[in-house]
């Protein structure tokens, strides 16, 4: 879970400091590209769905006014008769008085025997607008402002490696997968200025690693445990464990927890299966997070919604 951003006011020099962290997602297994540009969709690996769209919305700490709200849209296109993938991402985040909006393009290439195993190397690059809404900041002393909002655009890029291998299971092709990534490689220390004041927002690099295993317990049902590790400089390492179970073709459930003392539950519907669509998969997911830290009851839980569309573009 994303940490609380800290606001420090030094009125003697009219300087404001804001710290932001990279958005975290509970349903990351189906949107790994949001933090690893080398990720390959499991819908492509299993079903050859080469065109995938993901839309997610997260509302964090529902008891807090102006708490973080984040939206992200991902698209991936696996080029036909090729080991190359093209993708794009749009993200918007607002946390109190600070926020950012960005767009990225990504490219990944798979090395290896694609139908059996592969190592994907990916790069994403784009632009991000960082902003501070000054009417949302309470100053100890009166401050004269030239504008209600300050914003700046900066480039950023991300790097990732993704590995997968199919295993001969008793009930089908199990899948082992893992990855490491730095989704925002440029650590930025940004200063916004008007005539009378300086405002600073700092974005720090985040480092991610994960490993998972999809184990088919029978032909159309699987259990998928995943371990994810995230690290932010000057913060404790966070380790999360998640288990997703899809025991029928139309529905899944999942639970998980992390060393940050958070717990979540989730469920989803396979709308494409329910509607019996050909060469198309539609999924809807919902998750709820709760923190068992001392502030958990005061801040409240977090809600996350996801919608995924996958298309076998070779047959459309």
C-alpha atoms as a PDB file:
ATOM      1  CA  UNK A   1       0.000   0.000   0.000  1.00  0.00           C
ATOM      2  CA  UNK A   2       1.192   3.473  -0.806  1.00  0.00           C
ATOM      3  CA  UNK A   3       2.568   5.368   2.185  1.00  0.00           C
ATOM      4  CA  UNK A   4       1.081   8.610   3.456  1.00  0.00           C
ATOM      5  CA  UNK A   5       2.537  11.623   1.689  1.00  0.00           C
ATOM      6  CA  UNK A   6       4.138  14.126   4.046  1.00  0.00           C
ATOM      7  CA  UNK A   7       3.680  17.887   3.933  1.00  0.00           C
ATOM      8  CA  UNK A   8       6.197  20.074   5.761  1.00  0.00           C
ATOM      9  CA  UNK A   9       5.678  23.821   5.903  1.00  0.00           C
ATOM     10  CA  UNK A  10       8.613  26.099   6.535  1.00  0.00           C
ATOM     11  CA  UNK A  11       6.966  29.501   6.537  1.00  0.00           C
ATOM     12  CA  UNK A  12      10.156  31.338   7.440  1.00  0.00           C
ATOM     13  CA  UNK A  13      11.417  30.678   3.904  1.00  0.00           C
ATOM     14  CA  UNK A  14       8.020  30.086   2.225  1.00  0.00           C
ATOM     15  CA  UNK A  15       9.057  26.559   1.217  1.00  0.00           C
ATOM     16  CA  UNK A  16       6.666  23.604   0.919  1.00  0.00           C
ATOM     17  CA  UNK A  17       7.793  19.971   0.531  1.00  0.00           C
ATOM     18  CA  UNK A  18       5.566  17.199  -0.796  1.00  0.00           C
ATOM     19  CA  UNK A  19       6.595  13.538  -1.100  1.00  0.00           C
ATOM     20  CA  UNK A  20       4.773  11.083  -3.382  1.00  0.00           C
ATOM     21  CA  UNK A  21       5.102   7.373  -3.972  1.00  0.00           C
ATOM     22  CA  UNK A  22       4.268   5.194  -6.940  1.00  0.00           C
ATOM     23  CA  UNK A  23       0.707   3.855  -7.089  1.00  0.00           C
ATOM     24  CA  UNK A  24       0.158   0.322  -5.763  1.00  0.00           C
ATOM     25  CA  UNK A  25      -2.443  -2.103  -7.114  1.00  0.00           C
ATOM     26  CA  UNK A  26      -4.025  -5.075  -5.394  1.00  0.00           C
ATOM     27  CA  UNK A  27      -5.094  -6.823  -8.618  1.00  0.00           C
ATOM     28  CA  UNK A  28      -1.611  -6.520 -10.110  1.00  0.00           C
ATOM     29  CA  UNK A  29      -1.532 -10.108 -11.434  1.00  0.00           C
ATOM     30  CA  UNK A  30      -3.791  -9.128 -14.348  1.00  0.00           C
ATOM     31  CA  UNK A  31      -2.117  -5.757 -14.883  1.00  0.00           C
ATOM     32  CA  UNK A  32       1.560  -6.502 -14.333  1.00  0.00           C
ATOM     33  CA  UNK A  33       2.433  -4.080 -17.136  1.00  0.00           C
ATOM     34  CA  UNK A  34       1.496  -1.214 -14.796  1.00  0.00           C
ATOM     35  CA  UNK A  35       4.814  -1.712 -12.968  1.00  0.00           C
ATOM     36  CA  UNK A  36       6.816  -4.019 -15.281  1.00  0.00           C
ATOM     37  CA  UNK A  37       7.131  -2.954 -18.941  1.00  0.00           C
ATOM     38  CA  UNK A  38       8.362  -6.438 -19.916  1.00  0.00           C
ATOM     39  CA  UNK A  39       5.214  -8.234 -18.696  1.00  0.00           C
ATOM     40  CA  UNK A  40       3.382 -10.618 -21.026  1.00  0.00           C
ATOM     41  CA  UNK A  41      -0.348 -11.166 -20.553  1.00  0.00           C
ATOM     42  CA  UNK A  42      -1.334 -14.667 -19.414  1.00  0.00           C
ATOM     43  CA  UNK A  43      -4.275 -14.417 -21.808  1.00  0.00           C
ATOM     44  CA  UNK A  44      -1.744 -14.326 -24.615  1.00  0.00           C
ATOM     45  CA  UNK A  45       0.413 -17.106 -23.194  1.00  0.00           C
ATOM     46  CA  UNK A  46      -2.538 -19.472 -22.702  1.00  0.00           C
ATOM     47  CA  UNK A  47      -5.123 -18.429 -25.288  1.00  0.00           C
ATOM     48  CA  UNK A  48      -3.252 -16.374 -27.936  1.00  0.00           C
ATOM     49  CA  UNK A  49      -5.277 -13.244 -27.136  1.00  0.00           C
ATOM     50  CA  UNK A  50      -2.855 -10.774 -28.661  1.00  0.00           C
ATOM     51  CA  UNK A  51      -4.762  -7.551 -27.920  1.00  0.00           C
ATOM     52  CA  UNK A  52      -5.419  -6.755 -24.249  1.00  0.00           C
ATOM     53  CA  UNK A  53      -7.012  -3.729 -22.561  1.00  0.00           C
ATOM     54  CA  UNK A  54      -7.069  -3.038 -18.802  1.00  0.00           C
ATOM     55  CA  UNK A  55      -8.907  -0.248 -16.980  1.00  0.00           C
ATOM     56  CA  UNK A  56      -8.504   0.098 -13.203  1.00  0.00           C
ATOM     57  CA  UNK A  57      -9.704   2.558 -10.574  1.00  0.00           C
ATOM     58  CA  UNK A  58      -8.506   2.651  -6.963  1.00  0.00           C
ATOM     59  CA  UNK A  59      -9.959   4.702  -4.104  1.00  0.00           C
ATOM     60  CA  UNK A  60      -7.733   4.558  -1.050  1.00  0.00           C
ATOM     61  CA  UNK A  61      -8.542   5.274   2.633  1.00  0.00           C
ATOM     62  CA  UNK A  62     -12.246   5.986   2.222  1.00  0.00           C
ATOM     63  CA  UNK A  63     -12.598   7.745   5.601  1.00  0.00           C
ATOM     64  CA  UNK A  64     -10.136  10.499   4.630  1.00  0.00           C
ATOM     65  CA  UNK A  65     -11.163  13.525   2.608  1.00  0.00           C
ATOM     66  CA  UNK A  66      -9.001  14.028  -0.502  1.00  0.00           C
ATOM     67  CA  UNK A  67      -7.371  10.601   0.000  1.00  0.00           C
ATOM     68  CA  UNK A  68      -5.507   9.086  -2.988  1.00  0.00           C
ATOM     69  CA  UNK A  69      -7.535   8.180  -6.064  1.00  0.00           C
ATOM     70  CA  UNK A  70      -5.847   6.591  -9.061  1.00  0.00           C
ATOM     71  CA  UNK A  71      -6.954   5.533 -12.544  1.00  0.00           C
ATOM     72  CA  UNK A  72      -4.847   3.594 -15.025  1.00  0.00           C
ATOM     73  CA  UNK A  73      -5.458   2.330 -18.559  1.00  0.00           C
ATOM     74  CA  UNK A  74      -3.165  -0.211 -20.228  1.00  0.00           C
ATOM     75  CA  UNK A  75      -3.185  -1.630 -23.741  1.00  0.00           C
ATOM     76  CA  UNK A  76      -0.894  -4.385 -25.069  1.00  0.00           C
ATOM     77  CA  UNK A  77      -0.599  -5.585 -28.648  1.00  0.00           C
ATOM     78  CA  UNK A  78       1.407  -8.719 -29.409  1.00  0.00           C
ATOM     79  CA  UNK A  79       2.517  -8.359 -33.013  1.00  0.00           C
ATOM     80  CA  UNK A  80       1.412 -11.281 -35.213  1.00  0.00           C
ATOM     81  CA  UNK A  81       4.136 -13.761 -36.202  1.00  0.00           C
ATOM     82  CA  UNK A  82       6.587 -11.890 -34.002  1.00  0.00           C
ATOM     83  CA  UNK A  83       8.117 -12.000 -30.524  1.00  0.00           C
ATOM     84  CA  UNK A  84       7.601  -8.254 -30.137  1.00  0.00           C
ATOM     85  CA  UNK A  85       4.992  -6.433 -28.075  1.00  0.00           C
ATOM     86  CA  UNK A  86       3.832  -2.822 -28.271  1.00  0.00           C
ATOM     87  CA  UNK A  87       1.854  -1.165 -25.504  1.00  0.00           C
ATOM     88  CA  UNK A  88       0.701   2.063 -23.951  1.00  0.00           C
ATOM     89  CA  UNK A  89      -0.358   3.359 -20.569  1.00  0.00           C
ATOM     90  CA  UNK A  90      -2.289   6.357 -19.259  1.00  0.00           C
ATOM     91  CA  UNK A  91      -2.306   7.086 -15.524  1.00  0.00           C
ATOM     92  CA  UNK A  92      -3.866   9.761 -13.349  1.00  0.00           C
ATOM     93  CA  UNK A  93      -3.363  10.148  -9.604  1.00  0.00           C
ATOM     94  CA  UNK A  94      -4.615  12.731  -7.125  1.00  0.00           C
ATOM     95  CA  UNK A  95      -3.500  12.652  -3.478  1.00  0.00           C
ATOM     96  CA  UNK A  96      -4.782  15.678  -1.614  1.00  0.00           C
ATOM     97  CA  UNK A  97      -3.115  18.781  -3.021  1.00  0.00           C
ATOM     98  CA  UNK A  98      -0.622  16.881  -5.192  1.00  0.00           C
ATOM     99  CA  UNK A  99      -1.134  14.784  -8.271  1.00  0.00           C
ATOM    100  CA  UNK A 100       0.280  13.606 -11.548  1.00  0.00           C
ATOM    101  CA  UNK A 101      -0.955  12.579 -14.989  1.00  0.00           C
ATOM    102  CA  UNK A 102       1.202  10.671 -17.442  1.00  0.00           C
ATOM    103  CA  UNK A 103       1.321   8.733 -20.677  1.00  0.00           C
ATOM    104  CA  UNK A 104       3.820   6.030 -21.672  1.00  0.00           C
ATOM    105  CA  UNK A 105       4.619   3.851 -24.657  1.00  0.00           C
ATOM    106  CA  UNK A 106       6.315   0.511 -24.123  1.00  0.00           C
ATOM    107  CA  UNK A 107       8.160  -2.086 -26.159  1.00  0.00           C
ATOM    108  CA  UNK A 108       9.038  -5.624 -25.110  1.00  0.00           C
ATOM    109  CA  UNK A 109      10.740  -8.500 -26.895  1.00  0.00           C
ATOM    110  CA  UNK A 110      10.656 -12.177 -25.951  1.00  0.00           C
ATOM    111  CA  UNK A 111      13.814 -14.266 -26.144  1.00  0.00           C
ATOM    112  CA  UNK A 112      13.494 -18.055 -26.139  1.00  0.00           C
ATOM    113  CA  UNK A 113      11.029 -20.674 -27.312  1.00  0.00           C
ATOM    114  CA  UNK A 114       7.875 -18.577 -26.991  1.00  0.00           C
ATOM    115  CA  UNK A 115       5.493 -21.558 -26.785  1.00  0.00           C
ATOM    116  CA  UNK A 116       7.509 -23.195 -23.988  1.00  0.00           C
ATOM    117  CA  UNK A 117       9.515 -20.538 -22.149  1.00  0.00           C
ATOM    118  CA  UNK A 118      10.711 -16.999 -22.611  1.00  0.00           C
ATOM    119  CA  UNK A 119      12.601 -14.056 -21.160  1.00  0.00           C
ATOM    120  CA  UNK A 120      11.040 -10.737 -22.047  1.00  0.00           C
ATOM    121  CA  UNK A 121      12.977  -7.473 -21.833  1.00  0.00           C
ATOM    122  CA  UNK A 122      10.930  -4.285 -21.835  1.00  0.00           C
ATOM    123  CA  UNK A 123      11.309  -0.519 -21.874  1.00  0.00           C
ATOM    124  CA  UNK A 124       8.693   2.201 -21.434  1.00  0.00           C
ATOM    125  CA  UNK A 125       9.098   5.941 -21.929  1.00  0.00           C
ATOM    126  CA  UNK A 126       6.768   8.872 -21.616  1.00  0.00           C
ATOM    127  CA  UNK A 127       5.925  12.212 -20.067  1.00  0.00           C
ATOM    128  CA  UNK A 128       4.418  12.981 -16.668  1.00  0.00           C
ATOM    129  CA  UNK A 129       2.757  16.183 -15.498  1.00  0.00           C
ATOM    130  CA  UNK A 130       3.294  16.829 -11.782  1.00  0.00           C
ATOM    131  CA  UNK A 131       1.028  19.374 -10.150  1.00  0.00           C
ATOM    132  CA  UNK A 132       0.313  21.064  -6.822  1.00  0.00           C
ATOM    133  CA  UNK A 133      -3.143  22.501  -6.138  1.00  0.00           C
ATOM    134  CA  UNK A 134      -2.320  25.376  -3.831  1.00  0.00           C
ATOM    135  CA  UNK A 135      -5.905  26.009  -2.769  1.00  0.00           C
ATOM    136  CA  UNK A 136      -5.692  22.592  -1.080  1.00  0.00           C
ATOM    137  CA  UNK A 137      -2.732  23.591   1.117  1.00  0.00           C
ATOM    138  CA  UNK A 138      -3.262  25.205   4.499  1.00  0.00           C
ATOM    139  CA  UNK A 139      -0.492  27.647   5.381  1.00  0.00           C
ATOM    140  CA  UNK A 140       0.312  28.706   8.931  1.00  0.00           C
ATOM    141  CA  UNK A 141       0.814  32.310   7.846  1.00  0.00           C
ATOM    142  CA  UNK A 142      -0.776  34.245   5.013  1.00  0.00           C
ATOM    143  CA  UNK A 143       0.959  33.556   1.702  1.00  0.00           C
ATOM    144  CA  UNK A 144       0.471  35.478  -1.533  1.00  0.00           C
ATOM    145  CA  UNK A 145       0.019  33.115  -4.469  1.00  0.00           C
ATOM    146  CA  UNK A 146       0.300  33.961  -8.143  1.00  0.00           C
ATOM    147  CA  UNK A 147      -1.696  30.903  -9.226  1.00  0.00           C
ATOM    148  CA  UNK A 148      -3.997  28.309  -7.656  1.00  0.00           C
ATOM    149  CA  UNK A 149      -2.205  25.429  -9.427  1.00  0.00           C
ATOM    150  CA  UNK A 150       1.439  24.878 -10.341  1.00  0.00           C
ATOM    151  CA  UNK A 151       2.466  22.138 -12.780  1.00  0.00           C
ATOM    152  CA  UNK A 152       5.494  20.911 -14.671  1.00  0.00           C
ATOM    153  CA  UNK A 153       6.059  18.220 -17.309  1.00  0.00           C
ATOM    154  CA  UNK A 154       8.994  15.826 -17.025  1.00  0.00           C
ATOM    155  CA  UNK A 155      10.126  12.746 -18.988  1.00  0.00           C
ATOM    156  CA  UNK A 156      10.378   9.364 -17.298  1.00  0.00           C
ATOM    157  CA  UNK A 157      11.048   5.798 -18.333  1.00  0.00           C
ATOM    158  CA  UNK A 158      10.916   2.309 -16.863  1.00  0.00           C
ATOM    159  CA  UNK A 159      12.831  -0.952 -17.263  1.00  0.00           C
ATOM    160  CA  UNK A 160      11.767  -4.531 -16.660  1.00  0.00           C
ATOM    161  CA  UNK A 161      12.547  -8.216 -17.205  1.00  0.00           C
ATOM    162  CA  UNK A 162       9.868 -10.936 -17.219  1.00  0.00           C
ATOM    163  CA  UNK A 163      10.405 -14.708 -17.257  1.00  0.00           C
ATOM    164  CA  UNK A 164       7.886 -17.487 -17.844  1.00  0.00           C
ATOM    165  CA  UNK A 165       8.016 -21.234 -18.351  1.00  0.00           C
ATOM    166  CA  UNK A 166       5.294 -23.787 -18.898  1.00  0.00           C
ATOM    167  CA  UNK A 167       5.476 -26.912 -16.743  1.00  0.00           C
ATOM    168  CA  UNK A 168       3.917 -30.308 -17.352  1.00  0.00           C
ATOM    169  CA  UNK A 169       1.294 -30.529 -14.622  1.00  0.00           C
ATOM    170  CA  UNK A 170      -1.036 -33.402 -13.886  1.00  0.00           C
ATOM    171  CA  UNK A 171      -4.090 -31.489 -15.135  1.00  0.00           C
ATOM    172  CA  UNK A 172      -2.686 -29.145 -17.749  1.00  0.00           C
ATOM    173  CA  UNK A 173       0.130 -26.730 -18.498  1.00  0.00           C
ATOM    174  CA  UNK A 174       1.150 -25.084 -15.248  1.00  0.00           C
ATOM    175  CA  UNK A 175       2.961 -21.762 -15.508  1.00  0.00           C
ATOM    176  CA  UNK A 176       5.933 -20.422 -13.562  1.00  0.00           C
ATOM    177  CA  UNK A 177       6.480 -16.668 -13.920  1.00  0.00           C
ATOM    178  CA  UNK A 178       8.730 -14.018 -12.355  1.00  0.00           C
ATOM    179  CA  UNK A 179       9.955 -10.511 -12.967  1.00  0.00           C
ATOM    180  CA  UNK A 180      11.978  -7.549 -11.739  1.00  0.00           C
ATOM    181  CA  UNK A 181      11.416  -3.919 -12.667  1.00  0.00           C
ATOM    182  CA  UNK A 182      11.969  -0.224 -11.994  1.00  0.00           C
ATOM    183  CA  UNK A 183       8.797   1.431 -13.336  1.00  0.00           C
ATOM    184  CA  UNK A 184      10.051   4.996 -12.801  1.00  0.00           C
ATOM    185  CA  UNK A 185      13.775   5.039 -13.341  1.00  0.00           C
ATOM    186  CA  UNK A 186      14.270   8.784 -12.968  1.00  0.00           C
ATOM    187  CA  UNK A 187      14.130   9.858  -9.344  1.00  0.00           C
ATOM    188  CA  UNK A 188      12.902  13.442  -9.496  1.00  0.00           C
ATOM    189  CA  UNK A 189      13.270  16.269  -7.015  1.00  0.00           C
ATOM    190  CA  UNK A 190      11.041  18.936  -8.523  1.00  0.00           C
ATOM    191  CA  UNK A 191      10.766  22.568  -7.462  1.00  0.00           C
ATOM    192  CA  UNK A 192       7.760  24.667  -8.474  1.00  0.00           C
ATOM    193  CA  UNK A 193       8.155  28.398  -8.100  1.00  0.00           C
ATOM    194  CA  UNK A 194       6.043  31.490  -8.330  1.00  0.00           C
ATOM    195  CA  UNK A 195       7.032  35.056  -7.447  1.00  0.00           C
ATOM    196  CA  UNK A 196       6.988  34.595  -3.676  1.00  0.00           C
ATOM    197  CA  UNK A 197       7.214  30.864  -2.932  1.00  0.00           C
ATOM    198  CA  UNK A 198       8.967  27.601  -3.727  1.00  0.00           C
ATOM    199  CA  UNK A 199       7.122  24.275  -3.650  1.00  0.00           C
ATOM    200  CA  UNK A 200       8.982  20.978  -3.854  1.00  0.00           C
ATOM    201  CA  UNK A 201       7.709  17.496  -4.724  1.00  0.00           C
ATOM    202  CA  UNK A 202       9.978  14.455  -4.726  1.00  0.00           C
ATOM    203  CA  UNK A 203       9.434  11.224  -6.638  1.00  0.00           C
ATOM    204  CA  UNK A 204      11.639   8.313  -5.618  1.00  0.00           C
ATOM    205  CA  UNK A 205      12.511   5.152  -7.523  1.00  0.00           C
ATOM    206  CA  UNK A 206      10.606   1.976  -6.712  1.00  0.00           C
ATOM    207  CA  UNK A 207      12.031  -1.511  -7.164  1.00  0.00           C
ATOM    208  CA  UNK A 208       9.767  -4.540  -7.701  1.00  0.00           C
ATOM    209  CA  UNK A 209      10.281  -8.274  -7.839  1.00  0.00           C
ATOM    210  CA  UNK A 210       7.694 -11.046  -7.999  1.00  0.00           C
ATOM    211  CA  UNK A 211       7.379 -14.774  -8.589  1.00  0.00           C
ATOM    212  CA  UNK A 212       4.237 -16.855  -9.088  1.00  0.00           C
ATOM    213  CA  UNK A 213       2.942 -20.258 -10.079  1.00  0.00           C
ATOM    214  CA  UNK A 214      -0.344 -21.130 -11.806  1.00  0.00           C
ATOM    215  CA  UNK A 215      -1.182 -24.703 -10.819  1.00  0.00           C
ATOM    216  CA  UNK A 216      -4.094 -26.439 -12.525  1.00  0.00           C
ATOM    217  CA  UNK A 217      -5.844 -28.591  -9.938  1.00  0.00           C
ATOM    218  CA  UNK A 218      -8.109 -29.912 -12.685  1.00  0.00           C
ATOM    219  CA  UNK A 219      -8.587 -29.113 -16.372  1.00  0.00           C
ATOM    220  CA  UNK A 220     -10.429 -25.778 -16.019  1.00  0.00           C
ATOM    221  CA  UNK A 221      -9.566 -24.824 -12.445  1.00  0.00           C
ATOM    222  CA  UNK A 222      -6.343 -23.432 -11.014  1.00  0.00           C
ATOM    223  CA  UNK A 223      -4.780 -21.947  -7.905  1.00  0.00           C
ATOM    224  CA  UNK A 224      -2.204 -19.177  -8.355  1.00  0.00           C
ATOM    225  CA  UNK A 225       0.004 -18.125  -5.421  1.00  0.00           C
ATOM    226  CA  UNK A 226       2.187 -15.057  -5.954  1.00  0.00           C
ATOM    227  CA  UNK A 227       4.949 -13.446  -3.917  1.00  0.00           C
ATOM    228  CA  UNK A 228       5.810  -9.785  -4.529  1.00  0.00           C
ATOM    229  CA  UNK A 229       8.604  -7.712  -2.999  1.00  0.00           C
ATOM    230  CA  UNK A 230       8.770  -3.928  -3.277  1.00  0.00           C
ATOM    231  CA  UNK A 231      11.460  -1.572  -2.065  1.00  0.00           C
ATOM    232  CA  UNK A 232      11.561   2.199  -1.773  1.00  0.00           C
ATOM    233  CA  UNK A 233      14.753   3.894  -0.503  1.00  0.00           C
ATOM    234  CA  UNK A 234      14.548   4.908   3.167  1.00  0.00           C
ATOM    235  CA  UNK A 235      11.458   2.737   3.732  1.00  0.00           C
ATOM    236  CA  UNK A 236      11.014  -0.867   4.954  1.00  0.00           C
ATOM    237  CA  UNK A 237      10.964  -3.643   2.364  1.00  0.00           C
ATOM    238  CA  UNK A 238       7.371  -4.746   1.773  1.00  0.00           C
ATOM    239  CA  UNK A 239       6.643  -8.417   1.063  1.00  0.00           C
ATOM    240  CA  UNK A 240       3.189  -9.468  -0.089  1.00  0.00           C
ATOM    241  CA  UNK A 241       1.673 -12.922  -0.583  1.00  0.00           C
ATOM    242  CA  UNK A 242      -1.475 -13.434  -2.666  1.00  0.00           C
ATOM    243  CA  UNK A 243      -3.479 -16.511  -3.615  1.00  0.00           C
ATOM    244  CA  UNK A 244      -5.996 -16.496  -6.461  1.00  0.00           C
ATOM    245  CA  UNK A 245      -8.330 -19.441  -7.023  1.00  0.00           C
ATOM    246  CA  UNK A 246     -10.406 -19.945 -10.165  1.00  0.00           C
ATOM    247  CA  UNK A 247     -12.154 -23.248  -9.623  1.00  0.00           C
ATOM    248  CA  UNK A 248     -14.969 -22.676 -12.123  1.00  0.00           C
ATOM    249  CA  UNK A 249     -14.787 -21.057 -15.543  1.00  0.00           C
ATOM    250  CA  UNK A 250     -16.936 -18.046 -14.649  1.00  0.00           C
ATOM    251  CA  UNK A 251     -15.689 -16.846 -11.246  1.00  0.00           C
ATOM    252  CA  UNK A 252     -12.563 -16.371  -9.144  1.00  0.00           C
ATOM    253  CA  UNK A 253     -11.708 -15.341  -5.593  1.00  0.00           C
ATOM    254  CA  UNK A 254      -8.470 -14.293  -3.912  1.00  0.00           C
ATOM    255  CA  UNK A 255      -6.912 -13.277  -0.612  1.00  0.00           C
ATOM    256  CA  UNK A 256      -3.583 -11.800   0.391  1.00  0.00           C
ATOM    257  CA  UNK A 257      -1.547  -9.951   2.969  1.00  0.00           C
ATOM    258  CA  UNK A 258       1.713  -8.065   3.324  1.00  0.00           C
ATOM    259  CA  UNK A 259       4.355  -7.223   5.884  1.00  0.00           C
ATOM    260  CA  UNK A 260       3.001  -3.668   5.811  1.00  0.00           C
ATOM    261  CA  UNK A 261       0.172  -5.178   7.898  1.00  0.00           C
ATOM    262  CA  UNK A 262      -2.420  -4.987   5.152  1.00  0.00           C
ATOM    263  CA  UNK A 263      -4.943  -7.646   4.124  1.00  0.00           C
ATOM    264  CA  UNK A 264      -7.151  -7.874   1.066  1.00  0.00           C
ATOM    265  CA  UNK A 265      -9.907  -9.960  -0.442  1.00  0.00           C
ATOM    266  CA  UNK A 266     -11.016 -10.000  -4.063  1.00  0.00           C
ATOM    267  CA  UNK A 267     -13.417 -11.630  -6.490  1.00  0.00           C
ATOM    268  CA  UNK A 268     -14.041 -11.486 -10.206  1.00  0.00           C
ATOM    269  CA  UNK A 269     -16.406 -12.517 -12.958  1.00  0.00           C
ATOM    270  CA  UNK A 270     -15.443 -14.017 -16.325  1.00  0.00           C
ATOM    271  CA  UNK A 271     -18.057 -12.147 -18.326  1.00  0.00           C
ATOM    272  CA  UNK A 272     -16.825 -13.539 -21.635  1.00  0.00           C
ATOM    273  CA  UNK A 273     -17.427 -17.087 -20.409  1.00  0.00           C
ATOM    274  CA  UNK A 274     -20.840 -16.194 -19.007  1.00  0.00           C
ATOM    275  CA  UNK A 275     -21.849 -14.656 -22.359  1.00  0.00           C
ATOM    276  CA  UNK A 276     -20.140 -17.498 -24.284  1.00  0.00           C
ATOM    277  CA  UNK A 277     -18.203 -15.094 -26.501  1.00  0.00           C
ATOM    278  CA  UNK A 278     -15.911 -16.476 -29.177  1.00  0.00           C
ATOM    279  CA  UNK A 279     -12.288 -15.279 -29.413  1.00  0.00           C
ATOM    280  CA  UNK A 280     -12.967 -12.597 -26.788  1.00  0.00           C
ATOM    281  CA  UNK A 281     -12.537 -12.497 -23.023  1.00  0.00           C
ATOM    282  CA  UNK A 282     -14.072  -9.895 -20.683  1.00  0.00           C
ATOM    283  CA  UNK A 283     -13.342  -9.833 -16.949  1.00  0.00           C
ATOM    284  CA  UNK A 284     -14.519  -7.713 -14.056  1.00  0.00           C
ATOM    285  CA  UNK A 285     -12.726  -7.634 -10.708  1.00  0.00           C
ATOM    286  CA  UNK A 286     -13.204  -6.033  -7.303  1.00  0.00           C
ATOM    287  CA  UNK A 287     -10.902  -5.961  -4.272  1.00  0.00           C
ATOM    288  CA  UNK A 288     -10.982  -4.477  -0.785  1.00  0.00           C
ATOM    289  CA  UNK A 289      -7.888  -3.668   1.292  1.00  0.00           C
ATOM    290  CA  UNK A 290      -7.696  -3.024   5.020  1.00  0.00           C
ATOM    291  CA  UNK A 291      -4.703  -1.966   7.104  1.00  0.00           C
ATOM    292  CA  UNK A 292      -4.121  -3.412  10.579  1.00  0.00           C
ATOM    293  CA  UNK A 293      -1.735  -0.592  11.444  1.00  0.00           C
ATOM    294  CA  UNK A 294      -2.707   1.824  14.204  1.00  0.00           C
ATOM    295  CA  UNK A 295      -4.199   4.243  11.673  1.00  0.00           C
ATOM    296  CA  UNK A 296      -6.242   1.573   9.847  1.00  0.00           C
ATOM    297  CA  UNK A 297      -9.581   2.139  11.587  1.00  0.00           C
ATOM    298  CA  UNK A 298      -9.229   5.922  11.236  1.00  0.00           C
ATOM    299  CA  UNK A 299      -8.222   5.916   7.561  1.00  0.00           C
ATOM    300  CA  UNK A 300     -10.622   3.181   6.465  1.00  0.00           C
ATOM    301  CA  UNK A 301     -10.223   0.599   3.735  1.00  0.00           C
ATOM    302  CA  UNK A 302      -9.476   0.886   0.025  1.00  0.00           C
ATOM    303  CA  UNK A 303     -11.582  -0.190  -2.965  1.00  0.00           C
ATOM    304  CA  UNK A 304     -10.321  -1.240  -6.379  1.00  0.00           C
ATOM    305  CA  UNK A 305     -12.259  -1.974  -9.577  1.00  0.00           C
ATOM    306  CA  UNK A 306     -10.863  -3.522 -12.751  1.00  0.00           C
ATOM    307  CA  UNK A 307     -12.172  -4.257 -16.233  1.00  0.00           C
ATOM    308  CA  UNK A 308     -10.219  -6.300 -18.780  1.00  0.00           C
ATOM    309  CA  UNK A 309     -10.916  -6.996 -22.443  1.00  0.00           C
ATOM    310  CA  UNK A 310      -8.822  -9.516 -24.413  1.00  0.00           C
ATOM    311  CA  UNK A 311      -9.204 -10.207 -28.126  1.00  0.00           C
ATOM    312  CA  UNK A 312      -7.700 -12.821 -30.404  1.00  0.00           C
ATOM    313  CA  UNK A 313      -6.682 -10.193 -32.937  1.00  0.00           C
ATOM    314  CA  UNK A 314      -5.556 -12.839 -35.458  1.00  0.00           C
ATOM    315  CA  UNK A 315      -9.220 -13.941 -35.799  1.00  0.00           C
ATOM    316  CA  UNK A 316     -10.857 -10.494 -35.914  1.00  0.00           C
END
